[in-house]
Amino acid sequence: MAVVARNHNGQDLPADWSYSLAWFLDLYGSATEAGRLDGALAECATHMIALGTGEGEAAAPVEDIGYALWRCSRSPKLIGDLRRESLR
């Protein structure tokens, strides 16, 4: 309840909050929260894409990419999405 309430308030959320919300909704969310889960997954994908767009000096540090991948690994749905994208 606290996770959903914090997300609903939308205040003081960390930049990587979408990973926490996706993880929680993936494991404990109901079918009525599928829209919220899809939104959180889309935000995670946008964040991951942004990490991979830079080259040279503009590239994201490997630590940032590793942290994002670690956050993804907590959600079975995010893992599946990431695997499907990497096989394309």
PDB file of N, CA and C in Angstrom:
ATOM      1  N   MET A   1       0.822  -1.185   0.000  1.00  0.00           N
ATOM      2  CA  MET A   1       0.000   0.000   0.000  1.00  0.00           C
ATOM      3  C   MET A   1       0.871   1.256   0.000  1.00  0.00           C
ATOM      4  N   ALA A   2       1.984   1.200   0.729  1.00  0.00           N
ATOM      5  CA  ALA A   2       2.860   2.374   0.805  1.00  0.00           C
ATOM      6  C   ALA A   2       3.470   2.701  -0.553  1.00  0.00           C
ATOM      7  N   VAL A   3       3.836   1.679  -1.321  1.00  0.00           N
ATOM      8  CA  VAL A   3       4.427   1.906  -2.640  1.00  0.00           C
ATOM      9  C   VAL A   3       3.415   2.573  -3.563  1.00  0.00           C
ATOM     10  N   VAL A   4       2.212   2.068  -3.587  1.00  0.00           N
ATOM     11  CA  VAL A   4       1.175   2.632  -4.449  1.00  0.00           C
ATOM     12  C   VAL A   4       0.820   4.041  -3.989  1.00  0.00           C
ATOM     13  N   ALA A   5       0.732   4.268  -2.680  1.00  0.00           N
ATOM     14  CA  ALA A   5       0.417   5.601  -2.156  1.00  0.00           C
ATOM     15  C   ALA A   5       1.522   6.587  -2.505  1.00  0.00           C
ATOM     16  N   ARG A   6       2.769   6.173  -2.377  1.00  0.00           N
ATOM     17  CA  ARG A   6       3.885   7.065  -2.706  1.00  0.00           C
ATOM     18  C   ARG A   6       3.863   7.415  -4.191  1.00  0.00           C
ATOM     19  N   ASN A   7       3.572   6.445  -5.025  1.00  0.00           N
ATOM     20  CA  ASN A   7       3.497   6.705  -6.458  1.00  0.00           C
ATOM     21  C   ASN A   7       2.323   7.630  -6.779  1.00  0.00           C
ATOM     22  N   HIS A   8       1.214   7.419  -6.110  1.00  0.00           N
ATOM     23  CA  HIS A   8       0.036   8.243  -6.356  1.00  0.00           C
ATOM     24  C   HIS A   8       0.299   9.709  -5.995  1.00  0.00           C
ATOM     25  N   ASN A   9       1.025   9.941  -4.908  1.00  0.00           N
ATOM     26  CA  ASN A   9       1.353  11.309  -4.511  1.00  0.00           C
ATOM     27  C   ASN A   9       2.310  11.957  -5.504  1.00  0.00           C
ATOM     28  N   GLY A  10       3.234  11.170  -6.046  1.00  0.00           N
ATOM     29  CA  GLY A  10       4.142  11.653  -7.079  1.00  0.00           C
ATOM     30  C   GLY A  10       5.156  12.684  -6.624  1.00  0.00           C
ATOM     31  N   GLN A  11       5.303  12.863  -5.343  1.00  0.00           N
ATOM     32  CA  GLN A  11       6.230  13.867  -4.834  1.00  0.00           C
ATOM     33  C   GLN A  11       7.478  13.201  -4.271  1.00  0.00           C
ATOM     34  N   ASP A  12       8.595  13.841  -4.526  1.00  0.00           N
ATOM     35  CA  ASP A  12       9.893  13.375  -4.002  1.00  0.00           C
ATOM     36  C   ASP A  12      10.219  11.947  -4.435  1.00  0.00           C
ATOM     37  N   LEU A  13       9.864  11.610  -5.664  1.00  0.00           N
ATOM     38  CA  LEU A  13      10.193  10.288  -6.179  1.00  0.00           C
ATOM     39  C   LEU A  13      11.588  10.314  -6.777  1.00  0.00           C
ATOM     40  N   PRO A  14      12.400   9.298  -6.498  1.00  0.00           N
ATOM     41  CA  PRO A  14      13.730   9.244  -7.109  1.00  0.00           C
ATOM     42  C   PRO A  14      13.625   9.067  -8.626  1.00  0.00           C
ATOM     43  N   ALA A  15      14.679   9.414  -9.315  1.00  0.00           N
ATOM     44  CA  ALA A  15      14.690   9.327 -10.784  1.00  0.00           C
ATOM     45  C   ALA A  15      14.450   7.904 -11.267  1.00  0.00           C
ATOM     46  N   ASP A  16      14.850   6.920 -10.489  1.00  0.00           N
ATOM     47  CA  ASP A  16      14.688   5.523 -10.904  1.00  0.00           C
ATOM     48  C   ASP A  16      13.471   4.853 -10.251  1.00  0.00           C
ATOM     49  N   TRP A  17      12.496   5.651  -9.866  1.00  0.00           N
ATOM     50  CA  TRP A  17      11.305   5.131  -9.196  1.00  0.00           C
ATOM     51  C   TRP A  17      10.549   4.131 -10.064  1.00  0.00           C
ATOM     52  N   SER A  18      10.560   4.319 -11.371  1.00  0.00           N
ATOM     53  CA  SER A  18       9.796   3.428 -12.250  1.00  0.00           C
ATOM     54  C   SER A  18      10.233   1.970 -12.090  1.00  0.00           C
ATOM     55  N   TYR A  19      11.512   1.734 -11.780  1.00  0.00           N
ATOM     56  CA  TYR A  19      11.975   0.364 -11.559  1.00  0.00           C
ATOM     57  C   TYR A  19      11.328  -0.238 -10.306  1.00  0.00           C
ATOM     58  N   SER A  20      11.236   0.551  -9.254  1.00  0.00           N
ATOM     59  CA  SER A  20      10.604   0.075  -8.023  1.00  0.00           C
ATOM     60  C   SER A  20       9.129  -0.209  -8.240  1.00  0.00           C
ATOM     61  N   LEU A  21       8.455   0.707  -8.942  1.00  0.00           N
ATOM     62  CA  LEU A  21       7.028   0.527  -9.192  1.00  0.00           C
ATOM     63  C   LEU A  21       6.791  -0.689 -10.080  1.00  0.00           C
ATOM     64  N   ALA A  22       7.586  -0.859 -11.119  1.00  0.00           N
ATOM     65  CA  ALA A  22       7.433  -2.015 -12.012  1.00  0.00           C
ATOM     66  C   ALA A  22       7.668  -3.316 -11.247  1.00  0.00           C
ATOM     67  N   TRP A  23       8.694  -3.340 -10.427  1.00  0.00           N
ATOM     68  CA  TRP A  23       8.989  -4.539  -9.633  1.00  0.00           C
ATOM     69  C   TRP A  23       7.814  -4.884  -8.732  1.00  0.00           C
ATOM     70  N   PHE A  24       7.312  -3.889  -8.021  1.00  0.00           N
ATOM     71  CA  PHE A  24       6.219  -4.127  -7.079  1.00  0.00           C
ATOM     72  C   PHE A  24       4.950  -4.589  -7.797  1.00  0.00           C
ATOM     73  N   LEU A  25       4.563  -3.856  -8.845  1.00  0.00           N
ATOM     74  CA  LEU A  25       3.334  -4.212  -9.553  1.00  0.00           C
ATOM     75  C   LEU A  25       3.460  -5.540 -10.281  1.00  0.00           C
ATOM     76  N   ASP A  26       4.650  -5.847 -10.768  1.00  0.00           N
ATOM     77  CA  ASP A  26       4.866  -7.116 -11.450  1.00  0.00           C
ATOM     78  C   ASP A  26       4.654  -8.283 -10.492  1.00  0.00           C
ATOM     79  N   LEU A  27       5.140  -8.149  -9.291  1.00  0.00           N
ATOM     80  CA  LEU A  27       5.028  -9.244  -8.324  1.00  0.00           C
ATOM     81  C   LEU A  27       3.708  -9.251  -7.563  1.00  0.00           C
ATOM     82  N   TYR A  28       3.172  -8.070  -7.238  1.00  0.00           N
ATOM     83  CA  TYR A  28       2.027  -8.006  -6.331  1.00  0.00           C
ATOM     84  C   TYR A  28       0.798  -7.307  -6.915  1.00  0.00           C
ATOM     85  N   GLY A  29       0.905  -6.761  -8.109  1.00  0.00           N
ATOM     86  CA  GLY A  29      -0.207  -6.019  -8.688  1.00  0.00           C
ATOM     87  C   GLY A  29      -1.307  -6.936  -9.199  1.00  0.00           C
ATOM     88  N   SER A  30      -2.480  -6.371  -9.280  1.00  0.00           N
ATOM     89  CA  SER A  30      -3.626  -7.111  -9.796  1.00  0.00           C
ATOM     90  C   SER A  30      -3.857  -6.733 -11.255  1.00  0.00           C
ATOM     91  N   ALA A  31      -4.800  -7.404 -11.869  1.00  0.00           N
ATOM     92  CA  ALA A  31      -5.118  -7.122 -13.273  1.00  0.00           C
ATOM     93  C   ALA A  31      -5.630  -5.695 -13.457  1.00  0.00           C
ATOM     94  N   THR A  32      -6.231  -5.137 -12.429  1.00  0.00           N
ATOM     95  CA  THR A  32      -6.736  -3.762 -12.540  1.00  0.00           C
ATOM     96  C   THR A  32      -5.608  -2.734 -12.562  1.00  0.00           C
ATOM     97  N   GLU A  33      -4.423  -3.139 -12.186  1.00  0.00           N
ATOM     98  CA  GLU A  33      -3.265  -2.231 -12.174  1.00  0.00           C
ATOM     99  C   GLU A  33      -2.363  -2.446 -13.390  1.00  0.00           C
ATOM    100  N   ALA A  34      -2.850  -3.160 -14.393  1.00  0.00           N
ATOM    101  CA  ALA A  34      -2.047  -3.451 -15.593  1.00  0.00           C
ATOM    102  C   ALA A  34      -1.628  -2.168 -16.302  1.00  0.00           C
ATOM    103  N   GLY A  35      -2.487  -1.177 -16.320  1.00  0.00           N
ATOM    104  CA  GLY A  35      -2.147   0.103 -16.949  1.00  0.00           C
ATOM    105  C   GLY A  35      -0.991   0.789 -16.260  1.00  0.00           C
ATOM    106  N   ARG A  36      -0.998   0.771 -14.927  1.00  0.00           N
ATOM    107  CA  ARG A  36       0.124   1.344 -14.168  1.00  0.00           C
ATOM    108  C   ARG A  36       1.415   0.585 -14.441  1.00  0.00           C
ATOM    109  N   LEU A  37       1.319  -0.744 -14.495  1.00  0.00           N
ATOM    110  CA  LEU A  37       2.499  -1.563 -14.770  1.00  0.00           C
ATOM    111  C   LEU A  37       3.045  -1.245 -16.153  1.00  0.00           C
ATOM    112  N   ASP A  38       2.166  -1.159 -17.141  1.00  0.00           N
ATOM    113  CA  ASP A  38       2.619  -0.846 -18.502  1.00  0.00           C
ATOM    114  C   ASP A  38       3.305   0.520 -18.549  1.00  0.00           C
ATOM    115  N   GLY A  39       2.763   1.484 -17.820  1.00  0.00           N
ATOM    116  CA  GLY A  39       3.383   2.809 -17.771  1.00  0.00           C
ATOM    117  C   GLY A  39       4.763   2.777 -17.134  1.00  0.00           C
ATOM    118  N   ALA A  40       4.889   2.025 -16.044  1.00  0.00           N
ATOM    119  CA  ALA A  40       6.185   1.908 -15.361  1.00  0.00           C
ATOM    120  C   ALA A  40       7.190   1.192 -16.261  1.00  0.00           C
ATOM    121  N   LEU A  41       6.742   0.162 -16.970  1.00  0.00           N
ATOM    122  CA  LEU A  41       7.630  -0.561 -17.882  1.00  0.00           C
ATOM    123  C   LEU A  41       8.102   0.348 -19.013  1.00  0.00           C
ATOM    124  N   ALA A  42       7.204   1.189 -19.504  1.00  0.00           N
ATOM    125  CA  ALA A  42       7.575   2.129 -20.570  1.00  0.00           C
ATOM    126  C   ALA A  42       8.605   3.141 -20.066  1.00  0.00           C
ATOM    127  N   GLU A  43       8.442   3.609 -18.832  1.00  0.00           N
ATOM    128  CA  GLU A  43       9.418   4.534 -18.256  1.00  0.00           C
ATOM    129  C   GLU A  43      10.779   3.860 -18.081  1.00  0.00           C
ATOM    130  N   CYS A  44      10.777   2.604 -17.656  1.00  0.00           N
ATOM    131  CA  CYS A  44      12.033   1.862 -17.516  1.00  0.00           C
ATOM    132  C   CYS A  44      12.716   1.725 -18.874  1.00  0.00           C
ATOM    133  N   ALA A  45      11.941   1.402 -19.894  1.00  0.00           N
ATOM    134  CA  ALA A  45      12.506   1.250 -21.236  1.00  0.00           C
ATOM    135  C   ALA A  45      13.092   2.564 -21.724  1.00  0.00           C
ATOM    136  N   THR A  46      12.389   3.658 -21.487  1.00  0.00           N
ATOM    137  CA  THR A  46      12.882   4.978 -21.888  1.00  0.00           C
ATOM    138  C   THR A  46      14.198   5.296 -21.190  1.00  0.00           C
ATOM    139  N   HIS A  47      14.273   4.961 -19.912  1.00  0.00           N
ATOM    140  CA  HIS A  47      15.503   5.206 -19.147  1.00  0.00           C
ATOM    141  C   HIS A  47      16.654   4.368 -19.688  1.00  0.00           C
ATOM    142  N   MET A  48      16.382   3.096 -19.976  1.00  0.00           N
ATOM    143  CA  MET A  48      17.428   2.221 -20.504  1.00  0.00           C
ATOM    144  C   MET A  48      17.896   2.694 -21.884  1.00  0.00           C
ATOM    145  N   ILE A  49      16.977   3.119 -22.728  1.00  0.00           N
ATOM    146  CA  ILE A  49      17.333   3.617 -24.054  1.00  0.00           C
ATOM    147  C   ILE A  49      18.208   4.856 -23.929  1.00  0.00           C
ATOM    148  N   ALA A  50      17.854   5.736 -23.000  1.00  0.00           N
ATOM    149  CA  ALA A  50      18.648   6.957 -22.792  1.00  0.00           C
ATOM    150  C   ALA A  50      20.070   6.625 -22.359  1.00  0.00           C
ATOM    151  N   LEU A  51      20.241   5.572 -21.584  1.00  0.00           N
ATOM    152  CA  LEU A  51      21.585   5.182 -21.150  1.00  0.00           C
ATOM    153  C   LEU A  51      22.435   4.706 -22.320  1.00  0.00           C
ATOM    154  N   GLY A  52      21.798   4.166 -23.340  1.00  0.00           N
ATOM    155  CA  GLY A  52      22.539   3.594 -24.461  1.00  0.00           C
ATOM    156  C   GLY A  52      22.703   4.516 -25.653  1.00  0.00           C
ATOM    157  N   THR A  53      22.245   5.756 -25.560  1.00  0.00           N
ATOM    158  CA  THR A  53      22.294   6.629 -26.736  1.00  0.00           C
ATOM    159  C   THR A  53      23.593   7.384 -26.896  1.00  0.00           C
ATOM    160  N   GLY A  54      24.327   7.596 -25.847  1.00  0.00           N
ATOM    161  CA  GLY A  54      25.556   8.394 -25.948  1.00  0.00           C
ATOM    162  C   GLY A  54      26.735   7.599 -26.471  1.00  0.00           C
ATOM    163  N   GLU A  55      27.677   8.331 -27.054  1.00  0.00           N
ATOM    164  CA  GLU A  55      28.915   7.714 -27.530  1.00  0.00           C
ATOM    165  C   GLU A  55      30.093   8.544 -27.025  1.00  0.00           C
ATOM    166  N   GLY A  56      31.222   7.903 -26.884  1.00  0.00           N
ATOM    167  CA  GLY A  56      32.426   8.610 -26.445  1.00  0.00           C
ATOM    168  C   GLY A  56      32.243   9.215 -25.064  1.00  0.00           C
ATOM    169  N   GLU A  57      32.520  10.500 -24.948  1.00  0.00           N
ATOM    170  CA  GLU A  57      32.396  11.194 -23.667  1.00  0.00           C
ATOM    171  C   GLU A  57      30.954  11.280 -23.179  1.00  0.00           C
ATOM    172  N   ALA A  58      29.997  11.245 -24.112  1.00  0.00           N
ATOM    173  CA  ALA A  58      28.582  11.355 -23.757  1.00  0.00           C
ATOM    174  C   ALA A  58      27.981  10.028 -23.303  1.00  0.00           C
ATOM    175  N   ALA A  59      28.737   8.955 -23.409  1.00  0.00           N
ATOM    176  CA  ALA A  59      28.227   7.636 -23.031  1.00  0.00           C
ATOM    177  C   ALA A  59      27.995   7.572 -21.527  1.00  0.00           C
ATOM    178  N   ALA A  60      26.978   6.832 -21.157  1.00  0.00           N
ATOM    179  CA  ALA A  60      26.692   6.641 -19.737  1.00  0.00           C
ATOM    180  C   ALA A  60      27.798   5.798 -19.113  1.00  0.00           C
ATOM    181  N   PRO A  61      28.180   6.118 -17.886  1.00  0.00           N
ATOM    182  CA  PRO A  61      29.186   5.287 -17.206  1.00  0.00           C
ATOM    183  C   PRO A  61      28.683   3.850 -17.044  1.00  0.00           C
ATOM    184  N   VAL A  62      29.589   2.922 -17.106  1.00  0.00           N
ATOM    185  CA  VAL A  62      29.232   1.512 -17.001  1.00  0.00           C
ATOM    186  C   VAL A  62      28.538   1.229 -15.663  1.00  0.00           C
ATOM    187  N   GLU A  63      28.859   1.976 -14.637  1.00  0.00           N
ATOM    188  CA  GLU A  63      28.208   1.793 -13.344  1.00  0.00           C
ATOM    189  C   GLU A  63      26.723   2.107 -13.421  1.00  0.00           C
ATOM    190  N   ASP A  64      26.369   3.175 -14.183  1.00  0.00           N
ATOM    191  CA  ASP A  64      24.964   3.547 -14.340  1.00  0.00           C
ATOM    192  C   ASP A  64      24.197   2.472 -15.099  1.00  0.00           C
ATOM    193  N   ILE A  65      24.821   1.924 -16.121  1.00  0.00           N
ATOM    194  CA  ILE A  65      24.189   0.859 -16.899  1.00  0.00           C
ATOM    195  C   ILE A  65      24.033  -0.391 -16.041  1.00  0.00           C
ATOM    196  N   GLY A  66      25.069  -0.734 -15.300  1.00  0.00           N
ATOM    197  CA  GLY A  66      25.006  -1.893 -14.409  1.00  0.00           C
ATOM    198  C   GLY A  66      23.933  -1.735 -13.345  1.00  0.00           C
ATOM    199  N   TYR A  67      23.806  -0.534 -12.786  1.00  0.00           N
ATOM    200  CA  TYR A  67      22.781  -0.275 -11.769  1.00  0.00           C
ATOM    201  C   TYR A  67      21.388  -0.439 -12.373  1.00  0.00           C
ATOM    202  N   ALA A  68      21.178   0.099 -13.568  1.00  0.00           N
ATOM    203  CA  ALA A  68      19.879  -0.028 -14.234  1.00  0.00           C
ATOM    204  C   ALA A  68      19.564  -1.495 -14.515  1.00  0.00           C
ATOM    205  N   LEU A  69      20.551  -2.258 -14.954  1.00  0.00           N
ATOM    206  CA  LEU A  69      20.329  -3.687 -15.207  1.00  0.00           C
ATOM    207  C   LEU A  69      20.017  -4.435 -13.918  1.00  0.00           C
ATOM    208  N   TRP A  70      20.678  -4.066 -12.838  1.00  0.00           N
ATOM    209  CA  TRP A  70      20.391  -4.688 -11.544  1.00  0.00           C
ATOM    210  C   TRP A  70      18.956  -4.387 -11.119  1.00  0.00           C
ATOM    211  N   ARG A  71      18.516  -3.139 -11.335  1.00  0.00           N
ATOM    212  CA  ARG A  71      17.142  -2.776 -10.988  1.00  0.00           C
ATOM    213  C   ARG A  71      16.158  -3.563 -11.851  1.00  0.00           C
ATOM    214  N   CYS A  72      16.482  -3.751 -13.129  1.00  0.00           N
ATOM    215  CA  CYS A  72      15.628  -4.541 -14.019  1.00  0.00           C
ATOM    216  C   CYS A  72      15.523  -5.987 -13.547  1.00  0.00           C
ATOM    217  N   SER A  73      16.598  -6.511 -12.998  1.00  0.00           N
ATOM    218  CA  SER A  73      16.646  -7.929 -12.640  1.00  0.00           C
ATOM    219  C   SER A  73      15.682  -8.297 -11.518  1.00  0.00           C
ATOM    220  N   ARG A  74      15.122  -7.326 -10.846  1.00  0.00           N
ATOM    221  CA  ARG A  74      14.194  -7.606  -9.751  1.00  0.00           C
ATOM    222  C   ARG A  74      12.793  -7.934 -10.253  1.00  0.00           C
ATOM    223  N   SER A  75      12.507  -7.589 -11.491  1.00  0.00           N
ATOM    224  CA  SER A  75      11.170  -7.798 -12.036  1.00  0.00           C
ATOM    225  C   SER A  75      11.197  -8.848 -13.146  1.00  0.00           C
ATOM    226  N   PRO A  76      10.469  -9.935 -12.983  1.00  0.00           N
ATOM    227  CA  PRO A  76      10.436 -10.948 -14.045  1.00  0.00           C
ATOM    228  C   PRO A  76       9.957 -10.382 -15.385  1.00  0.00           C
ATOM    229  N   LYS A  77       9.006  -9.470 -15.362  1.00  0.00           N
ATOM    230  CA  LYS A  77       8.498  -8.876 -16.606  1.00  0.00           C
ATOM    231  C   LYS A  77       9.579  -8.042 -17.279  1.00  0.00           C
ATOM    232  N   LEU A  78      10.323  -7.255 -16.516  1.00  0.00           N
ATOM    233  CA  LEU A  78      11.403  -6.460 -17.088  1.00  0.00           C
ATOM    234  C   LEU A  78      12.498  -7.347 -17.665  1.00  0.00           C
ATOM    235  N   ILE A  79      12.800  -8.443 -16.985  1.00  0.00           N
ATOM    236  CA  ILE A  79      13.803  -9.379 -17.492  1.00  0.00           C
ATOM    237  C   ILE A  79      13.354  -9.946 -18.836  1.00  0.00           C
ATOM    238  N   GLY A  80      12.099 -10.360 -18.913  1.00  0.00           N
ATOM    239  CA  GLY A  80      11.577 -10.907 -20.166  1.00  0.00           C
ATOM    240  C   GLY A  80      11.602  -9.890 -21.290  1.00  0.00           C
ATOM    241  N   ASP A  81      11.204  -8.653 -20.977  1.00  0.00           N
ATOM    242  CA  ASP A  81      11.225  -7.597 -21.995  1.00  0.00           C
ATOM    243  C   ASP A  81      12.641  -7.330 -22.476  1.00  0.00           C
ATOM    244  N   LEU A  82      13.576  -7.286 -21.562  1.00  0.00           N
ATOM    245  CA  LEU A  82      14.972  -7.023 -21.906  1.00  0.00           C
ATOM    246  C   LEU A  82      15.541  -8.152 -22.761  1.00  0.00           C
ATOM    247  N   ARG A  83      15.209  -9.389 -22.426  1.00  0.00           N
ATOM    248  CA  ARG A  83      15.677 -10.532 -23.230  1.00  0.00           C
ATOM    249  C   ARG A  83      15.116 -10.475 -24.644  1.00  0.00           C
ATOM    250  N   ARG A  84      13.832 -10.166 -24.768  1.00  0.00           N
ATOM    251  CA  ARG A  84      13.216 -10.083 -26.103  1.00  0.00           C
ATOM    252  C   ARG A  84      13.876  -8.991 -26.929  1.00  0.00           C
ATOM    253  N   GLU A  85      14.158  -7.854 -26.327  1.00  0.00           N
ATOM    254  CA  GLU A  85      14.784  -6.749 -27.051  1.00  0.00           C
ATOM    255  C   GLU A  85      16.211  -7.090 -27.473  1.00  0.00           C
ATOM    256  N   SER A  86      16.926  -7.817 -26.618  1.00  0.00           N
ATOM    257  CA  SER A  86      18.324  -8.132 -26.945  1.00  0.00           C
ATOM    258  C   SER A  86      18.436  -9.200 -28.034  1.00  0.00           C
ATOM    259  N   LEU A  87      17.373  -9.975 -28.246  1.00  0.00           N
ATOM    260  CA  LEU A  87      17.396 -11.012 -29.275  1.00  0.00           C
ATOM    261  C   LEU A  87      16.975 -10.496 -30.648  1.00  0.00           C
ATOM    262  N   ARG A  88      16.513  -9.271 -30.702  1.00  0.00           N
ATOM    263  CA  ARG A  88      16.080  -8.702 -31.989  1.00  0.00           C
ATOM    264  C   ARG A  88      17.244  -8.364 -32.853  1.00  0.00           C
TER     265      ARG A  88
END
